[in-house]
Amino acid sequence: MNLLSLLIILPLLGALALLLLPRASDRAARGIALATTLVTFAVSVVLFASFRATAEMQFVERVAWIPQLGISWYVGVDGLSILLVMLTTFLMIIAIGGSWNGITERVKEYHILFLLLEAALIGVFVALDLFLFYVFWEFTLIPMAFLIGIWGHGRRVYAAIKFILFTMLGSTLMLVAMLVLVFANRDATGALTFALSDLLKTPVPLALQPILFAAFALAFAIKVPMFPFHTWLPDAHVEAPTAGSVILAGVLLKMGTYGFIRFNLPLFPEAARSFAPILVVLALIGIIYGALVSIVQKDIKSLVAFSSVSHLGFVMLGLFALNAQGMSGGILQMVNHGLSTGALFLLVGMLYERRHTRLIADFGGVAKVMPIYAAFFLLVMFSSVGLPGLNGFVGEFLILVGAFRANVWYAAFAATGVVLSAIYLLWMYQRAMAGPITREENRTLKDLSPREIALLAALAVFIIWIGVYPRTFLDPIQTSVANLLGMIN
């Protein structure tokens, strides 16, 4: 069986196994889910190890699905998607492991939804048929909305509905644009095709490009989320369960940035060049706005949520600098953000399980009673800030170099975001972790368990690995980036 199809099928089989075990204990449900994600990650490691740094699609499988409409099961990976597949399978292990004690109700259903979500996310990153991509794109909504709405916090139903409405608004426009694109690409016999490789053979008419680019871009901008389409994100993050926030920040937001590089740029190159300055300006606004709003947050989880608006602004800046350094940095920064922000949400969740509060003012001096926790928090915080030697620095540096090459003012404004991120994260750490213990409840906090240490250590390995030797992760994407830029320029 094709490795990519296997990656999608394995989580589905795990979900089916849970479904068919009506009397499975909570422990068994957790064990089956964790085993499934571990096996899926192992397959993705084999995939990465077998991947060659070429521009061609690899591990391709194409089987007719609805031949009357030119729709097929068409999957493959290249340098633009291989790292995101790896990120998805890795963070799912972290999410399941991080939910071990935090979820005590409807445990089986919770893990079924996570496994369904994993299958859909992998499908998004490997689909090369526009209809298949759309099916996976929409399917991710269902499990994530239920995870937020059932296992979330206070305003969870409101957050779940808002998440669905925002995403479906963009998705509807994307579907219409997709159909227009496919029908405009009919051959002399009137045959349709949804295959990306076939659509790329015939340039989209110049009159259609701006309209179709805008429709696709709106769907992807909402998912990123770019300013001013970001308002659903803080609610979804704050109300979601810890593992939901980890996957939402770590993987789901990357669906938007990935959509831009997989579809908008190669399908509509002239429109991409025309719209690039607008998208860069919105990205710069998002970088600065997200950082400024993060500074004034009183809730740690809300602070991390708004920081995603700022960090994803850097990714969009890199992608639409439209040069090799910026685009390579943008793709790598998607992975970096998934690791660093996913780890931050995991750390916030661990603290919430102990104190049942996320207000910064309720902490202080936590490092005195939880030194291991504070050490991991410091490492992850520095990676998010972009400290040299850690993963965040490599991505941000490449993005700033790319922005500088495109326009020196882009880099100048973006650099303020780096300074502001240091302000809000260091100030948050100083108030919550450092200083004297100001509340008696914090004196009895227990430090990390072996399970929690293992999860954070796994994240720390990649945070340091990318920072010290980024070539492992940059080499596979270079040829694909060069190929994509060749289509645009």
Protein backbone atom coordinates (compact mmCIF):
# COMPACT_ATOMS: atom_id res chain seq x y z
CA MET A 1 0.00 0.00 0.00
CA ASN A 2 1.13 3.56 -0.73
CA LEU A 3 2.67 5.12 2.38
CA LEU A 4 0.49 8.25 2.16
CA SER A 5 -2.73 6.25 1.92
CA LEU A 6 -1.49 4.18 4.86
CA LEU A 7 -0.91 7.35 6.90
CA ILE A 8 -4.55 8.34 6.34
CA ILE A 9 -5.95 4.85 6.91
CA LEU A 10 -4.08 4.08 10.16
CA PRO A 11 -5.85 6.74 12.29
CA LEU A 12 -9.17 5.70 10.75
CA LEU A 13 -8.50 2.09 11.74
CA GLY A 14 -7.63 3.24 15.26
CA ALA A 15 -10.89 5.20 15.46
CA LEU A 16 -12.81 2.18 14.18
CA ALA A 17 -11.16 -0.08 16.76
CA LEU A 18 -12.27 2.28 19.52
CA LEU A 19 -15.77 2.47 18.08
CA LEU A 20 -16.09 -1.31 18.03
CA LEU A 21 -15.04 -1.64 21.66
CA PRO A 22 -18.23 -0.49 23.43
CA ARG A 23 -16.99 -1.53 26.84
CA ALA A 24 -13.42 -0.40 26.48
CA SER A 25 -12.06 1.14 29.65
CA ASP A 26 -10.76 4.68 29.63
CA ARG A 27 -7.24 3.35 29.98
CA ALA A 28 -7.70 1.03 27.00
CA ALA A 29 -9.09 3.88 24.90
CA ARG A 30 -6.09 6.03 25.72
CA GLY A 31 -3.72 3.16 25.01
CA ILE A 32 -5.24 2.35 21.61
CA ALA A 33 -5.19 6.01 20.57
CA LEU A 34 -1.59 6.48 21.68
CA ALA A 35 -0.48 3.26 19.97
CA THR A 36 -2.19 4.36 16.76
CA THR A 37 -0.46 7.76 16.76
CA LEU A 38 2.91 6.15 17.52
CA VAL A 39 2.57 3.72 14.59
CA THR A 40 1.42 6.55 12.31
CA PHE A 41 4.42 8.65 13.32
CA ALA A 42 6.73 5.68 12.67
CA VAL A 43 5.33 5.38 9.13
CA SER A 44 5.87 9.12 8.59
CA VAL A 45 9.50 8.73 9.72
CA VAL A 46 9.95 6.03 7.07
CA LEU A 47 8.35 8.43 4.58
CA PHE A 48 10.76 11.23 5.52
CA ALA A 49 13.77 8.93 5.45
CA SER A 50 12.81 7.77 1.95
CA PHE A 51 12.12 11.27 0.66
CA ARG A 52 14.48 12.65 -1.99
CA ALA A 53 15.18 16.38 -2.30
CA THR A 54 13.71 16.82 -5.79
CA ALA A 55 10.96 19.03 -7.16
CA GLU A 56 8.81 16.11 -8.31
CA MET A 57 5.90 14.77 -6.33
CA GLN A 58 6.83 11.56 -4.53
CA PHE A 59 4.88 8.57 -3.17
CA VAL A 60 2.18 9.45 -5.69
CA GLU A 61 -0.98 7.38 -5.86
CA ARG A 62 -3.72 8.18 -8.34
CA VAL A 63 -6.87 6.08 -8.62
CA ALA A 64 -10.11 7.12 -10.33
CA TRP A 65 -12.79 7.93 -7.75
CA ILE A 66 -15.60 9.68 -9.64
CA PRO A 67 -14.35 9.40 -13.22
CA GLN A 68 -17.44 11.07 -14.70
CA LEU A 69 -16.34 14.32 -13.04
CA GLY A 70 -12.60 13.82 -13.33
CA ILE A 71 -12.23 13.31 -9.56
CA SER A 72 -9.59 10.89 -8.30
CA TRP A 73 -7.87 9.67 -5.16
CA TYR A 74 -4.68 11.56 -5.98
CA VAL A 75 -2.08 11.97 -3.23
CA GLY A 76 1.61 12.82 -3.10
CA VAL A 77 4.19 14.86 -1.22
CA ASP A 78 7.00 17.23 -2.12
CA GLY A 79 9.21 19.60 -0.17
CA LEU A 80 6.28 21.95 0.42
CA SER A 81 4.29 19.35 2.35
CA ILE A 82 6.61 16.66 3.75
CA LEU A 83 7.49 18.63 6.90
CA LEU A 84 3.83 19.38 7.63
CA VAL A 85 2.95 15.68 7.43
CA MET A 86 5.74 14.97 9.92
CA LEU A 87 4.57 17.80 12.18
CA THR A 88 1.02 16.44 12.19
CA THR A 89 1.94 12.87 13.12
CA PHE A 90 4.38 14.05 15.80
CA LEU A 91 2.07 16.57 17.49
CA MET A 92 -0.75 14.02 17.61
CA ILE A 93 1.38 11.90 19.94
CA ILE A 94 1.93 14.97 22.11
CA ALA A 95 -1.80 15.78 22.09
CA ILE A 96 -2.89 12.25 23.08
CA GLY A 97 -0.16 12.00 25.71
CA GLY A 98 -1.03 15.45 27.05
CA SER A 99 -4.69 14.42 27.51
CA TRP A 100 -3.88 11.37 29.63
CA ASN A 101 -5.17 12.77 32.92
CA GLY A 102 -6.94 15.92 31.75
CA ILE A 103 -9.85 14.17 30.01
CA THR A 104 -12.05 12.07 32.32
CA GLU A 105 -15.45 12.13 30.58
CA ARG A 106 -16.39 10.47 27.28
CA VAL A 107 -12.79 9.39 26.93
CA LYS A 108 -13.41 6.96 24.06
CA GLU A 109 -15.33 9.52 22.00
CA TYR A 110 -12.64 12.13 22.63
CA HIS A 111 -9.90 9.91 21.22
CA ILE A 112 -12.02 8.79 18.26
CA LEU A 113 -12.42 12.43 17.26
CA PHE A 114 -8.67 13.05 17.57
CA LEU A 115 -7.87 10.10 15.33
CA LEU A 116 -10.42 11.25 12.76
CA LEU A 117 -8.86 14.72 12.91
CA GLU A 118 -5.39 13.26 12.30
CA ALA A 119 -6.56 11.40 9.19
CA ALA A 120 -8.22 14.54 7.82
CA LEU A 121 -5.19 16.75 8.48
CA ILE A 122 -2.80 14.36 6.77
CA GLY A 123 -5.26 14.23 3.87
CA VAL A 124 -5.18 18.02 3.52
CA PHE A 125 -1.39 18.04 3.21
CA VAL A 126 -1.12 15.19 0.70
CA ALA A 127 -4.20 15.71 -1.52
CA LEU A 128 -3.36 16.67 -5.11
CA ASP A 129 -6.96 16.59 -6.35
CA LEU A 130 -8.87 19.80 -5.57
CA PHE A 131 -12.09 17.96 -4.73
CA LEU A 132 -10.25 15.53 -2.46
CA PHE A 133 -8.47 18.46 -0.82
CA TYR A 134 -11.81 20.17 -0.21
CA VAL A 135 -13.31 17.03 1.33
CA PHE A 136 -10.43 16.72 3.80
CA TRP A 137 -10.42 20.49 4.42
CA GLU A 138 -14.09 20.49 5.40
CA PHE A 139 -13.84 17.24 7.35
CA THR A 140 -11.30 18.76 9.77
CA LEU A 141 -14.09 21.08 10.94
CA ILE A 142 -16.24 18.31 12.38
CA PRO A 143 -13.93 16.70 14.96
CA MET A 144 -12.34 20.01 15.99
CA ALA A 145 -15.72 21.68 16.52
CA PHE A 146 -16.89 18.77 18.70
CA LEU A 147 -13.60 18.76 20.65
CA ILE A 148 -14.05 22.45 21.44
CA GLY A 149 -17.80 22.30 22.01
CA ILE A 150 -17.86 19.23 24.28
CA TRP A 151 -14.53 19.15 26.13
CA GLY A 152 -13.79 22.87 26.11
CA HIS A 153 -14.20 25.47 28.84
CA GLY A 154 -16.81 28.10 29.74
CA ARG A 155 -17.93 29.56 26.39
CA ARG A 156 -17.06 26.42 24.46
CA VAL A 157 -20.26 26.19 22.40
CA TYR A 158 -19.97 29.83 21.32
CA ALA A 159 -16.31 29.30 20.37
CA ALA A 160 -17.12 26.13 18.40
CA ILE A 161 -19.95 27.78 16.44
CA LYS A 162 -17.80 30.82 15.69
CA PHE A 163 -15.00 28.54 14.49
CA ILE A 164 -17.39 26.71 12.14
CA LEU A 165 -19.06 29.83 10.75
CA PHE A 166 -15.81 31.65 9.98
CA THR A 167 -14.22 28.65 8.31
CA MET A 168 -17.31 27.69 6.31
CA LEU A 169 -17.66 31.24 4.98
CA GLY A 170 -14.24 31.03 3.36
CA SER A 171 -14.72 27.40 2.34
CA THR A 172 -17.92 28.19 0.42
CA LEU A 173 -16.17 30.84 -1.65
CA MET A 174 -13.26 28.48 -2.25
CA LEU A 175 -15.64 25.78 -3.51
CA VAL A 176 -17.26 28.19 -5.96
CA ALA A 177 -13.84 29.35 -7.19
CA MET A 178 -12.72 25.74 -7.48
CA LEU A 179 -15.69 24.88 -9.71
CA VAL A 180 -15.12 27.97 -11.87
CA LEU A 181 -11.47 26.99 -12.26
CA VAL A 182 -12.29 23.39 -13.20
CA PHE A 183 -15.00 24.31 -15.71
CA ALA A 184 -12.77 26.96 -17.28
CA ASN A 185 -10.14 24.23 -17.73
CA ARG A 186 -12.32 21.77 -19.68
CA ASP A 187 -10.72 20.23 -22.73
CA ALA A 188 -12.18 20.16 -26.24
CA THR A 189 -14.38 17.18 -25.37
CA GLY A 190 -15.78 18.89 -22.28
CA ALA A 191 -14.02 16.50 -19.88
CA LEU A 192 -13.40 17.84 -16.38
CA THR A 193 -10.38 17.35 -14.13
CA PHE A 194 -9.78 18.30 -10.51
CA ALA A 195 -6.15 17.11 -10.55
CA LEU A 196 -3.73 19.89 -9.66
CA SER A 197 -1.09 18.63 -12.10
CA ASP A 198 -3.60 18.77 -14.98
CA LEU A 199 -4.85 22.23 -14.01
CA LEU A 200 -1.30 23.59 -13.95
CA LYS A 201 -0.75 22.59 -17.58
CA THR A 202 -3.17 25.26 -18.84
CA PRO A 203 -2.66 28.84 -17.57
CA VAL A 204 -5.72 30.36 -15.94
CA PRO A 205 -7.03 33.31 -18.04
CA LEU A 206 -5.66 36.63 -16.78
CA ALA A 207 -9.16 38.06 -16.33
CA LEU A 208 -10.11 35.21 -13.99
CA GLN A 209 -6.93 35.09 -11.92
CA PRO A 210 -7.61 38.02 -9.54
CA ILE A 211 -11.14 36.80 -8.78
CA LEU A 212 -10.16 33.20 -8.18
CA PHE A 213 -7.04 34.18 -6.26
CA ALA A 214 -9.14 36.37 -3.94
CA ALA A 215 -11.71 33.62 -3.32
CA PHE A 216 -9.06 31.01 -2.47
CA ALA A 217 -7.08 33.58 -0.47
CA LEU A 218 -10.05 34.50 1.72
CA ALA A 219 -10.57 30.86 2.73
CA PHE A 220 -6.90 30.43 3.53
CA ALA A 221 -6.54 33.85 5.24
CA ILE A 222 -9.37 32.99 7.64
CA LYS A 223 -7.70 29.72 8.53
CA VAL A 224 -4.21 31.25 9.04
CA PRO A 225 -5.70 33.54 10.52
CA MET A 226 -4.57 36.83 9.00
CA PHE A 227 -5.63 40.23 10.26
CA PRO A 228 -8.53 41.18 10.14
CA PHE A 229 -9.95 37.62 9.88
CA HIS A 230 -8.43 36.49 13.16
CA THR A 231 -11.26 37.15 15.61
CA TRP A 232 -12.38 33.49 15.84
CA LEU A 233 -8.93 32.32 16.96
CA PRO A 234 -8.65 33.65 20.56
CA ASP A 235 -12.09 32.27 21.47
CA ALA A 236 -11.33 28.86 19.95
CA HIS A 237 -7.92 28.65 21.64
CA VAL A 238 -9.01 29.84 25.07
CA GLU A 239 -12.09 27.60 25.25
CA ALA A 240 -10.54 24.49 23.64
CA PRO A 241 -9.14 21.66 25.77
CA THR A 242 -5.35 21.67 26.05
CA ALA A 243 -4.75 19.07 23.35
CA GLY A 244 -7.23 20.85 21.10
CA SER A 245 -5.22 24.06 21.43
CA VAL A 246 -1.99 22.18 20.70
CA ILE A 247 -3.36 20.79 17.42
CA LEU A 248 -5.25 23.95 16.52
CA ALA A 249 -2.12 26.09 16.82
CA GLY A 250 0.34 23.43 15.78
CA VAL A 251 -1.36 22.06 12.68
CA LEU A 252 -4.79 23.49 11.78
CA LEU A 253 -3.53 27.04 11.27
CA LYS A 254 -0.90 25.69 8.85
CA MET A 255 -3.71 24.54 6.56
CA GLY A 256 -4.15 28.19 5.58
CA THR A 257 -0.50 28.98 4.91
CA TYR A 258 -0.10 25.66 3.10
CA GLY A 259 -3.11 26.46 0.91
CA PHE A 260 -1.41 29.64 -0.29
CA ILE A 261 1.76 27.86 -1.40
CA ARG A 262 0.03 24.77 -2.83
CA PHE A 263 -2.77 26.49 -4.76
CA ASN A 264 -2.74 30.30 -4.85
CA LEU A 265 0.86 30.76 -5.94
CA PRO A 266 1.19 28.13 -8.71
CA LEU A 267 -2.35 28.38 -10.11
CA PHE A 268 -2.58 32.18 -10.21
CA PRO A 269 1.01 33.48 -10.59
CA GLU A 270 0.17 36.88 -12.12
CA ALA A 271 -2.47 37.55 -9.48
CA ALA A 272 -0.03 36.39 -6.78
CA ARG A 273 2.49 39.01 -7.83
CA SER A 274 -0.24 41.68 -7.89
CA PHE A 275 -1.72 40.75 -4.52
CA ALA A 276 1.64 40.19 -2.78
CA PRO A 277 2.06 43.80 -1.49
CA ILE A 278 -1.46 43.75 0.00
CA LEU A 279 -0.89 40.43 1.74
CA VAL A 280 2.51 41.58 3.02
CA VAL A 281 0.94 44.73 4.52
CA LEU A 282 -1.76 42.62 6.22
CA ALA A 283 0.95 40.27 7.49
CA LEU A 284 2.93 43.19 8.94
CA ILE A 285 -0.19 44.58 10.63
CA GLY A 286 -0.84 41.13 12.07
CA ILE A 287 2.74 40.84 13.36
CA ILE A 288 2.58 44.13 15.25
CA TYR A 289 -1.09 43.99 16.25
CA GLY A 290 -0.85 40.42 17.56
CA ALA A 291 2.22 41.30 19.62
CA LEU A 292 0.71 44.49 21.08
CA VAL A 293 -2.52 42.72 22.07
CA SER A 294 -0.49 39.88 23.62
CA ILE A 295 1.29 42.36 25.89
CA VAL A 296 -1.95 43.43 27.61
CA GLN A 297 -3.44 39.94 28.11
CA LYS A 298 -4.12 38.85 31.69
CA ASP A 299 -4.77 35.20 30.76
CA ILE A 300 -1.70 33.15 29.79
CA LYS A 301 -3.59 31.07 27.26
CA SER A 302 -5.09 34.16 25.66
CA LEU A 303 -1.60 35.67 25.43
CA VAL A 304 -0.28 32.59 23.61
CA ALA A 305 -3.35 32.63 21.32
CA PHE A 306 -2.80 36.22 20.21
CA SER A 307 0.92 35.52 19.76
CA SER A 308 -0.10 33.08 17.00
CA VAL A 309 -1.55 35.99 15.00
CA SER A 310 1.85 37.65 15.22
CA HIS A 311 3.90 34.55 14.45
CA LEU A 312 1.74 33.48 11.51
CA GLY A 313 2.15 37.01 10.18
CA PHE A 314 5.87 36.23 9.90
CA VAL A 315 5.06 33.09 7.90
CA MET A 316 2.88 35.03 5.45
CA LEU A 317 5.55 37.71 5.13
CA GLY A 318 8.12 35.09 4.19
CA LEU A 319 5.85 33.38 1.67
CA PHE A 320 4.89 36.60 -0.13
CA ALA A 321 8.38 38.05 -0.16
CA LEU A 322 8.47 35.76 -3.21
CA ASN A 323 12.12 34.80 -2.93
CA ALA A 324 13.95 31.65 -1.87
CA GLN A 325 15.06 32.85 1.57
CA GLY A 326 11.66 34.18 2.58
CA MET A 327 9.72 31.19 1.33
CA SER A 328 12.11 28.63 2.85
CA GLY A 329 11.95 30.53 6.14
CA GLY A 330 8.16 30.70 5.96
CA ILE A 331 7.81 26.94 5.46
CA LEU A 332 10.30 26.17 8.22
CA GLN A 333 8.58 28.67 10.50
CA MET A 334 5.30 26.80 10.08
CA VAL A 335 7.02 23.84 11.70
CA ASN A 336 8.73 26.02 14.31
CA HIS A 337 5.47 27.66 15.31
CA GLY A 338 3.80 24.26 15.59
CA LEU A 339 6.50 23.02 17.95
CA SER A 340 6.96 26.16 20.06
CA THR A 341 3.37 27.32 20.35
CA GLY A 342 2.11 23.76 20.70
CA ALA A 343 4.56 23.34 23.58
CA LEU A 344 3.42 26.62 25.16
CA PHE A 345 -0.22 25.51 25.09
CA LEU A 346 0.79 22.16 26.56
CA LEU A 347 2.67 23.92 29.38
CA VAL A 348 -0.27 26.23 30.09
CA GLY A 349 -2.55 23.19 30.21
CA MET A 350 -0.28 21.42 32.70
CA LEU A 351 -0.40 24.46 34.96
CA TYR A 352 -4.18 24.74 34.57
CA GLU A 353 -4.65 21.08 35.62
CA ARG A 354 -2.89 21.91 38.89
CA ARG A 355 -4.39 25.32 39.68
CA HIS A 356 -7.56 25.57 37.54
CA THR A 357 -6.73 29.14 36.65
CA ARG A 358 -4.84 30.74 33.79
CA LEU A 359 -4.62 34.29 35.14
CA ILE A 360 -1.05 35.55 35.32
CA ALA A 361 -1.87 37.38 38.53
CA ASP A 362 -2.71 34.06 40.25
CA PHE A 363 0.86 32.86 39.93
CA GLY A 364 4.30 34.14 40.90
CA GLY A 365 7.32 32.24 42.15
CA VAL A 366 6.18 29.02 40.47
CA ALA A 367 9.81 28.22 39.57
CA LYS A 368 10.55 27.71 43.27
CA VAL A 369 8.15 24.79 43.58
CA MET A 370 8.22 23.56 39.96
CA PRO A 371 11.82 24.00 38.80
CA ILE A 372 11.67 21.37 36.03
CA TYR A 373 8.47 22.89 34.69
CA ALA A 374 9.99 26.39 34.81
CA ALA A 375 13.10 25.19 32.95
CA PHE A 376 11.03 23.72 30.10
CA PHE A 377 8.88 26.85 30.03
CA LEU A 378 12.01 29.00 29.73
CA LEU A 379 13.37 26.91 26.85
CA VAL A 380 10.10 26.97 24.93
CA MET A 381 9.64 30.68 25.57
CA PHE A 382 13.14 31.43 24.21
CA SER A 383 12.40 29.32 21.13
CA SER A 384 9.24 31.36 20.53
CA VAL A 385 11.16 34.61 21.01
CA GLY A 386 13.74 33.48 18.44
CA LEU A 387 16.86 33.00 20.56
CA PRO A 388 19.88 31.94 18.45
CA GLY A 389 20.52 28.23 18.81
CA LEU A 390 16.81 27.40 18.95
CA ASN A 391 14.35 26.74 16.15
CA GLY A 392 12.57 30.09 16.09
CA PHE A 393 15.72 32.00 15.24
CA VAL A 394 16.42 30.12 12.01
CA GLY A 395 12.94 30.66 10.58
CA GLU A 396 12.66 34.31 11.58
CA PHE A 397 16.15 35.10 10.32
CA LEU A 398 15.43 33.62 6.87
CA ILE A 399 12.09 35.45 6.73
CA LEU A 400 13.72 38.77 7.62
CA VAL A 401 16.44 38.21 5.01
CA GLY A 402 13.77 37.46 2.41
CA ALA A 403 11.73 40.50 3.48
CA PHE A 404 14.83 42.70 3.29
CA ARG A 405 15.52 41.50 -0.25
CA ALA A 406 11.94 42.28 -1.25
CA ASN A 407 11.72 45.67 0.46
CA VAL A 408 13.84 47.03 3.29
CA TRP A 409 10.76 48.54 4.95
CA TYR A 410 9.11 45.13 5.18
CA ALA A 411 12.05 43.89 7.24
CA ALA A 412 12.16 47.05 9.38
CA PHE A 413 8.51 46.77 10.43
CA ALA A 414 8.71 43.00 10.90
CA ALA A 415 11.73 43.36 13.18
CA THR A 416 9.60 45.30 15.65
CA GLY A 417 7.55 42.13 16.07
CA VAL A 418 10.65 40.28 17.23
CA VAL A 419 11.27 42.93 19.90
CA LEU A 420 7.63 42.96 20.99
CA SER A 421 7.52 39.17 21.29
CA ALA A 422 10.45 39.31 23.69
CA ILE A 423 8.56 41.90 25.75
CA TYR A 424 5.28 40.00 26.18
CA LEU A 425 6.83 36.58 26.73
CA LEU A 426 9.62 37.65 29.09
CA TRP A 427 7.25 39.86 31.08
CA MET A 428 4.75 37.00 31.36
CA TYR A 429 7.48 34.60 32.51
CA GLN A 430 8.81 37.09 35.05
CA ARG A 431 5.38 37.60 36.60
CA ALA A 432 4.31 33.94 36.64
CA MET A 433 7.53 31.99 37.24
CA ALA A 434 10.01 34.32 38.93
CA GLY A 435 9.95 36.29 42.16
CA PRO A 436 8.46 35.31 45.53
CA ILE A 437 5.47 33.01 45.93
CA THR A 438 2.56 35.39 46.35
CA ARG A 439 -0.29 32.91 46.86
CA GLU A 440 -0.40 30.05 49.33
CA GLU A 441 -2.08 27.73 46.81
CA ASN A 442 1.10 27.78 44.72
CA ARG A 443 3.31 26.42 47.51
CA THR A 444 1.94 22.90 47.14
CA LEU A 445 2.11 22.64 43.35
CA LYS A 446 3.64 19.38 42.15
CA ASP A 447 6.41 19.44 39.58
CA LEU A 448 6.21 17.55 36.30
CA SER A 449 5.48 13.83 36.22
CA PRO A 450 7.63 11.43 34.14
CA ARG A 451 4.92 11.40 31.45
CA GLU A 452 4.91 15.19 31.22
CA ILE A 453 8.71 15.35 31.17
CA ALA A 454 8.78 12.82 28.30
CA LEU A 455 6.32 14.88 26.23
CA LEU A 456 8.20 18.13 26.75
CA ALA A 457 11.58 16.49 26.22
CA ALA A 458 10.39 15.18 22.83
CA LEU A 459 9.41 18.71 21.83
CA ALA A 460 12.70 20.09 23.19
CA VAL A 461 14.69 17.68 21.01
CA PHE A 462 13.25 19.15 17.83
CA ILE A 463 13.38 22.73 19.14
CA ILE A 464 17.13 22.36 19.69
CA TRP A 465 17.76 20.16 16.62
CA ILE A 466 16.27 22.71 14.21
CA GLY A 467 18.12 25.54 15.95
CA VAL A 468 21.53 23.81 15.87
CA TYR A 469 21.33 21.89 12.57
CA PRO A 470 18.45 23.25 10.45
CA ARG A 471 19.86 21.66 7.30
CA THR A 472 18.04 18.41 8.11
CA PHE A 473 14.76 20.21 7.60
CA LEU A 474 15.77 22.87 5.06
CA ASP A 475 17.40 20.59 2.48
CA PRO A 476 14.21 18.67 1.58
CA ILE A 477 12.32 21.87 0.74
CA GLN A 478 14.87 23.82 -1.33
CA THR A 479 14.22 22.24 -4.73
CA SER A 480 10.46 22.50 -4.36
CA VAL A 481 10.75 26.14 -3.33
CA ALA A 482 12.92 26.90 -6.37
CA ASN A 483 10.42 25.11 -8.60
CA LEU A 484 7.49 27.08 -7.15
CA LEU A 485 9.32 30.39 -7.56
CA GLY A 486 10.05 29.44 -11.15
CA MET A 487 6.29 29.18 -11.77
CA ILE A 488 5.66 32.64 -10.30
CA ASN A 489 8.56 34.72 -11.58
